[in-house]
Amino acid sequence: MPISAQTTVGIKDRVPKSIAPWFDGPSLLEYLDSMQTLERKVNAPFMMPIAAKYRDMGTMIEGKIESGVIKKGASYVMMPNRETIGIAALYGETEDEIQAATCGDQVRIRIRGVEEEDIMPGFVLCSPKRPVHCVLAFEAQIVLLELKSILSAGFNCVLHVHSATEEVTFSALLHKLEKGTGRKSKKPPGFATKGMSIIARLEVTGGAGSICVERFEDYPQLGRFTLRDQVCHYPSSHHKIDNVVLNTPRVKPSLSAKSPSCSQTRQHQPLKPVGKTVSLHPPVAESGGVFSIMG
């Protein structure tokens, strides 16, 4: 898009053919006006990953609201510890106290019902009517951007999703996705290499034992994550969550090596099992009893 800030050519009015005969597109302002606005889930259940915590005349937390609306004086649930939280004060990006905030806002909240030491980054404040899913394992669509060797079942890495960081293990490779079409392979691949797209099942092996996530199509910011291996400092792949397994007993993979430690992994109390496997979508073939929630 040819533009000139000094002469304002191409800013408001389209570039004349005498100046750029090869360009037949809109002006900068026309292009910006035609862009679609982001879909804000204002009417969806409230969810806010906790990015930071501190003490200031009580327990304070910070985060960005990913869906819904939060109001001062209302009660919410903090996952995964399932504590009932009261909102004592609510602040926006300024120091002024506000009565409510909506999806997309960065807020600071003074809460009641939990102590600072019981909160960890990666916890999610959510509506009691629709708590965020806490999972032990999930399936994801994975694009391998950088990988020094090969990836197979038993591969250990560090997962970053919203404000959470946990160690995970590839418990199974389920499908290989064809380039261009995205068609799934009928047989699971034995391994994956750099540049491949796969669907794999991952299991949380860090100290938390579970993690708060949602399927990508429902809450993109809670269903999009990055994996990093244990030795490099660059992202090894980008993913979106396909399937989750909720509140099921831990199944240890048969690995010859133990999961390596990670200094970034947080240690807090594991989630107690509270129910059975929950179906979030019709099942897919060869999913091993896990229900598909493709994003």
Protein backbone atom coordinates (compact mmCIF):
# COMPACT_ATOMS: atom_id res chain seq x y z
CA MET A 1 0.00 0.00 0.00
CA PRO A 2 1.75 3.20 -1.15
CA ILE A 3 1.28 6.14 1.22
CA SER A 4 3.08 9.40 1.99
CA ALA A 5 2.69 11.01 5.39
CA GLN A 6 4.39 14.19 4.22
CA THR A 7 2.09 14.79 1.25
CA THR A 8 -0.91 12.81 2.70
CA VAL A 9 -1.13 10.82 -0.52
CA GLY A 10 -2.85 7.52 0.12
CA ILE A 11 -3.88 8.44 3.67
CA LYS A 12 -7.46 9.66 3.19
CA ASP A 13 -7.88 9.61 -0.58
CA ARG A 14 -6.77 6.83 -2.88
CA VAL A 15 -3.46 7.10 -4.68
CA PRO A 16 -3.95 8.55 -8.20
CA LYS A 17 -3.18 6.27 -11.12
CA SER A 18 -0.70 8.86 -12.37
CA ILE A 19 1.46 8.23 -9.29
CA ALA A 20 1.03 4.49 -8.81
CA PRO A 21 -0.61 2.85 -11.84
CA TRP A 22 0.14 -0.60 -10.41
CA PHE A 23 -1.94 -0.07 -7.25
CA ASP A 24 -5.72 -0.35 -7.31
CA GLY A 25 -6.44 -0.72 -3.61
CA PRO A 26 -8.06 1.47 -0.94
CA SER A 27 -6.49 4.31 1.01
CA LEU A 28 -5.12 3.71 4.50
CA LEU A 29 -8.19 5.07 6.29
CA GLU A 30 -10.54 3.13 4.00
CA TYR A 31 -8.64 -0.05 4.77
CA LEU A 32 -8.72 0.57 8.53
CA ASP A 33 -12.46 1.37 8.44
CA SER A 34 -13.19 -1.86 6.58
CA MET A 35 -11.36 -4.07 9.09
CA GLN A 36 -13.59 -6.32 11.15
CA THR A 37 -13.70 -5.59 14.85
CA LEU A 38 -12.63 -8.21 17.35
CA GLU A 39 -15.42 -10.37 18.68
CA ARG A 40 -15.77 -9.55 22.36
CA LYS A 41 -17.51 -12.24 24.38
CA VAL A 42 -19.38 -9.78 26.55
CA ASN A 43 -22.38 -12.05 27.06
CA ALA A 44 -20.32 -15.17 27.73
CA PRO A 45 -19.59 -16.45 31.27
CA PHE A 46 -16.91 -14.44 33.05
CA MET A 47 -13.33 -15.72 32.85
CA MET A 48 -10.08 -13.97 33.76
CA PRO A 49 -6.66 -15.68 34.04
CA ILE A 50 -4.68 -14.32 36.99
CA ALA A 51 -1.39 -12.84 35.81
CA ALA A 52 -0.08 -11.38 39.09
CA LYS A 53 -0.84 -11.13 42.81
CA TYR A 54 0.31 -8.92 45.70
CA ARG A 55 -0.85 -7.40 48.97
CA ASP A 56 -2.17 -3.84 49.22
CA MET A 57 -4.71 -3.37 52.01
CA GLY A 58 -5.81 -6.92 51.26
CA THR A 59 -5.21 -9.49 48.55
CA MET A 60 -4.86 -7.99 45.06
CA ILE A 61 -4.84 -9.79 41.72
CA GLU A 62 -4.30 -8.57 38.15
CA GLY A 63 -5.37 -9.91 34.80
CA LYS A 64 -7.12 -9.36 31.49
CA ILE A 65 -10.79 -10.23 31.21
CA GLU A 66 -11.17 -12.76 28.38
CA SER A 67 -14.98 -13.04 28.50
CA GLY A 68 -17.99 -11.71 30.32
CA VAL A 69 -18.39 -8.86 32.80
CA ILE A 70 -17.17 -8.46 36.38
CA LYS A 71 -18.97 -6.29 38.93
CA LYS A 72 -17.97 -5.00 42.33
CA GLY A 73 -19.67 -6.88 45.17
CA ALA A 74 -20.41 -10.01 43.14
CA SER A 75 -19.14 -13.52 43.98
CA TYR A 76 -16.97 -15.63 41.69
CA VAL A 77 -15.00 -18.88 41.78
CA MET A 78 -11.24 -19.24 41.57
CA MET A 79 -10.07 -22.36 39.75
CA PRO A 80 -8.53 -24.87 40.24
CA ASN A 81 -8.80 -24.53 44.03
CA ARG A 82 -12.55 -23.81 43.77
CA GLU A 83 -12.48 -21.00 46.33
CA THR A 84 -15.47 -18.63 46.47
CA ILE A 85 -14.19 -15.09 45.92
CA GLY A 86 -15.85 -11.78 46.77
CA ILE A 87 -14.96 -8.57 44.90
CA ALA A 88 -14.14 -5.85 47.44
CA ALA A 89 -12.77 -3.27 44.98
CA LEU A 90 -12.22 -3.04 41.23
CA TYR A 91 -9.71 -0.83 39.43
CA GLY A 92 -9.11 -0.21 35.74
CA GLU A 93 -5.89 0.95 34.10
CA THR A 94 -5.96 4.10 36.21
CA GLU A 95 -5.97 4.47 39.99
CA ASP A 96 -9.69 5.26 40.04
CA GLU A 97 -12.07 2.63 41.38
CA ILE A 98 -14.74 1.40 38.98
CA GLN A 99 -18.00 -0.47 39.47
CA ALA A 100 -17.72 -2.91 36.56
CA ALA A 101 -15.38 -4.02 33.79
CA THR A 102 -15.98 -5.96 30.60
CA CYS A 103 -14.21 -8.31 28.20
CA GLY A 104 -10.89 -6.93 26.96
CA ASP A 105 -10.21 -4.74 30.01
CA GLN A 106 -7.04 -5.03 32.08
CA VAL A 107 -8.08 -4.82 35.72
CA ARG A 108 -6.77 -4.94 39.29
CA ILE A 109 -9.08 -6.52 41.86
CA ARG A 110 -9.06 -6.53 45.64
CA ILE A 111 -10.64 -9.82 46.67
CA ARG A 112 -12.00 -11.52 49.78
CA GLY A 113 -12.08 -15.21 50.64
CA VAL A 114 -8.52 -16.32 49.84
CA GLU A 115 -5.00 -15.44 50.96
CA GLU A 116 -2.24 -14.29 48.65
CA GLU A 117 -0.11 -17.40 49.26
CA ASP A 118 -2.98 -19.60 48.02
CA ILE A 119 -3.02 -17.92 44.58
CA MET A 120 -0.65 -18.75 41.73
CA PRO A 121 -0.33 -17.21 38.26
CA GLY A 122 -2.34 -19.39 35.91
CA PHE A 123 -5.34 -19.66 38.21
CA VAL A 124 -8.55 -18.44 36.59
CA LEU A 125 -11.27 -16.31 38.18
CA CYS A 126 -14.58 -17.31 36.63
CA SER A 127 -18.33 -17.37 36.95
CA PRO A 128 -19.72 -19.95 39.42
CA LYS A 129 -22.36 -20.86 36.83
CA ARG A 130 -19.74 -21.89 34.27
CA PRO A 131 -16.28 -22.57 35.78
CA VAL A 132 -13.29 -23.00 33.53
CA HIS A 133 -12.32 -26.59 32.75
CA CYS A 134 -9.46 -28.01 34.82
CA VAL A 135 -7.88 -30.87 32.90
CA LEU A 136 -5.26 -33.54 33.44
CA ALA A 137 -4.80 -34.21 29.73
CA PHE A 138 -5.90 -32.75 26.42
CA GLU A 139 -5.50 -33.15 22.67
CA ALA A 140 -4.13 -30.37 20.53
CA GLN A 141 -3.50 -29.46 16.94
CA ILE A 142 0.23 -28.79 16.78
CA VAL A 143 2.46 -27.05 14.25
CA LEU A 144 6.16 -27.77 14.84
CA LEU A 145 8.02 -24.57 14.09
CA GLU A 146 11.42 -25.44 15.50
CA LEU A 147 12.69 -28.86 16.52
CA LYS A 148 16.30 -30.07 16.70
CA SER A 149 15.53 -33.78 16.48
CA ILE A 150 12.30 -35.79 16.31
CA LEU A 151 9.22 -35.76 18.53
CA SER A 152 7.58 -38.97 19.71
CA ALA A 153 5.48 -40.27 22.60
CA GLY A 154 7.25 -39.51 25.88
CA PHE A 155 8.66 -36.14 24.73
CA ASN A 156 8.79 -33.69 27.67
CA CYS A 157 8.41 -29.93 27.30
CA VAL A 158 7.08 -26.79 28.98
CA LEU A 159 3.61 -25.48 28.15
CA HIS A 160 2.70 -21.78 28.23
CA VAL A 161 -1.04 -21.05 28.09
CA HIS A 162 -2.50 -17.64 29.07
CA SER A 163 -0.60 -16.89 32.33
CA ALA A 164 0.13 -20.52 33.27
CA THR A 165 3.36 -22.48 32.85
CA GLU A 166 3.43 -26.25 33.37
CA GLU A 167 5.47 -29.28 32.36
CA VAL A 168 3.69 -31.63 29.96
CA THR A 169 4.45 -34.95 28.25
CA PHE A 170 3.35 -36.16 24.83
CA SER A 171 1.51 -39.33 25.80
CA ALA A 172 0.47 -40.19 22.22
CA LEU A 173 0.67 -38.94 18.65
CA LEU A 174 -2.81 -39.40 17.17
CA HIS A 175 -2.87 -38.00 13.64
CA LYS A 176 -0.70 -36.34 11.03
CA LEU A 177 -2.31 -33.45 9.14
CA GLU A 178 -1.70 -33.13 5.41
CA LYS A 179 -0.35 -29.82 4.24
CA GLY A 180 -2.88 -27.71 2.38
CA THR A 181 -5.92 -29.89 3.04
CA GLY A 182 -5.53 -30.49 6.79
CA ARG A 183 -6.81 -34.03 6.33
CA LYS A 184 -6.09 -36.41 9.21
CA SER A 185 -4.08 -39.57 8.67
CA LYS A 186 -5.87 -42.83 9.48
CA LYS A 187 -2.86 -44.27 11.28
CA PRO A 188 -1.03 -42.44 14.08
CA PRO A 189 2.46 -41.31 13.11
CA GLY A 190 5.41 -42.91 14.87
CA PHE A 191 7.19 -39.57 15.20
CA ALA A 192 7.04 -35.95 14.05
CA THR A 193 9.71 -33.61 12.69
CA LYS A 194 10.13 -29.89 12.11
CA GLY A 195 7.48 -28.39 9.82
CA MET A 196 4.87 -31.10 10.42
CA SER A 197 1.34 -30.55 11.69
CA ILE A 198 -0.03 -33.21 14.01
CA ILE A 199 -2.74 -33.91 16.57
CA ALA A 200 -1.33 -35.24 19.82
CA ARG A 201 -2.44 -35.99 23.33
CA LEU A 202 -0.57 -34.19 26.11
CA GLU A 203 -0.60 -34.95 29.82
CA VAL A 204 0.23 -32.48 32.59
CA THR A 205 3.22 -33.79 34.54
CA GLY A 206 4.16 -30.67 36.51
CA GLY A 207 3.53 -30.07 40.18
CA ALA A 208 0.06 -28.68 39.55
CA GLY A 209 -1.27 -31.97 38.21
CA SER A 210 -3.93 -30.10 36.21
CA ILE A 211 -4.31 -26.90 34.22
CA CYS A 212 -7.15 -24.48 33.42
CA VAL A 213 -7.90 -24.41 29.68
CA GLU A 214 -10.80 -24.15 27.25
CA ARG A 215 -11.30 -25.32 23.69
CA PHE A 216 -10.02 -22.90 21.09
CA GLU A 217 -13.34 -22.31 19.33
CA ASP A 218 -15.01 -21.20 22.58
CA TYR A 219 -12.27 -19.13 24.20
CA PRO A 220 -9.29 -18.59 21.85
CA GLN A 221 -7.06 -16.99 24.50
CA LEU A 222 -7.62 -19.94 26.85
CA GLY A 223 -7.19 -22.53 24.12
CA ARG A 224 -4.07 -21.24 22.34
CA PHE A 225 -0.68 -22.15 23.76
CA THR A 226 3.03 -22.53 23.06
CA LEU A 227 5.40 -25.36 23.85
CA ARG A 228 9.10 -24.97 24.57
CA ASP A 229 11.58 -27.76 25.01
CA GLN A 230 13.81 -28.09 28.06
CA VAL A 231 17.01 -26.80 26.52
CA CYS A 232 16.14 -24.02 24.08
CA HIS A 233 14.69 -20.59 24.78
CA TYR A 234 12.66 -20.24 21.59
CA PRO A 235 9.14 -21.55 20.91
CA SER A 236 9.26 -25.04 19.45
CA SER A 237 5.64 -25.05 18.28
CA HIS A 238 2.28 -23.27 18.37
CA HIS A 239 -0.97 -25.07 19.04
CA LYS A 240 -4.67 -24.87 19.67
CA ILE A 241 -6.54 -27.24 21.95
CA ASP A 242 -8.66 -29.90 20.28
CA ASN A 243 -9.75 -32.22 23.11
CA VAL A 244 -9.63 -32.32 26.89
CA VAL A 245 -9.96 -35.04 29.51
CA LEU A 246 -11.64 -33.76 32.65
CA ASN A 247 -11.11 -35.09 36.18
CA THR A 248 -9.92 -38.54 35.20
CA PRO A 249 -7.34 -40.64 37.09
CA ARG A 250 -3.73 -40.03 36.11
CA VAL A 251 -2.32 -42.65 33.75
CA LYS A 252 1.48 -42.69 33.86
CA PRO A 253 3.08 -43.14 30.43
CA SER A 254 5.59 -45.94 30.09
CA LEU A 255 8.71 -43.86 29.65
CA SER A 256 12.32 -44.86 30.13
CA ALA A 257 13.35 -41.39 31.32
CA LYS A 258 11.87 -39.30 34.06
CA SER A 259 10.30 -35.94 33.34
CA PRO A 260 13.01 -33.28 33.69
CA SER A 261 12.59 -30.52 36.19
CA CYS A 262 11.88 -26.96 35.16
CA SER A 263 12.61 -23.89 37.25
CA GLN A 264 9.60 -22.12 35.77
CA THR A 265 7.12 -24.76 36.95
CA ARG A 266 4.99 -23.69 39.86
CA GLN A 267 4.30 -25.90 42.84
CA HIS A 268 0.84 -25.86 44.38
CA GLN A 269 -1.67 -28.35 45.67
CA PRO A 270 -3.04 -30.83 43.11
CA LEU A 271 -6.71 -30.75 42.18
CA LYS A 272 -8.87 -33.37 43.84
CA PRO A 273 -10.95 -35.52 41.47
CA VAL A 274 -14.53 -34.31 41.52
CA GLY A 275 -16.31 -36.20 38.78
CA LYS A 276 -16.23 -38.30 35.66
CA THR A 277 -15.09 -37.67 32.13
CA VAL A 278 -17.19 -34.91 30.59
CA SER A 279 -18.21 -34.84 26.93
CA LEU A 280 -17.74 -31.41 25.36
CA HIS A 281 -18.41 -32.44 21.77
CA PRO A 282 -19.41 -35.54 19.79
CA PRO A 283 -16.64 -38.16 19.90
CA VAL A 284 -14.25 -38.65 17.02
CA ALA A 285 -12.83 -41.89 15.71
CA GLU A 286 -9.58 -43.20 17.14
CA SER A 287 -9.60 -40.64 19.95
CA GLY A 288 -9.05 -43.18 22.70
CA GLY A 289 -12.15 -42.25 24.64
CA VAL A 290 -11.39 -38.55 24.56
CA PHE A 291 -14.04 -36.24 23.14
CA SER A 292 -13.24 -33.93 20.26
CA ILE A 293 -13.49 -30.17 20.67
CA MET A 294 -11.70 -29.05 17.55
CA GLY A 295 -10.99 -25.35 17.39
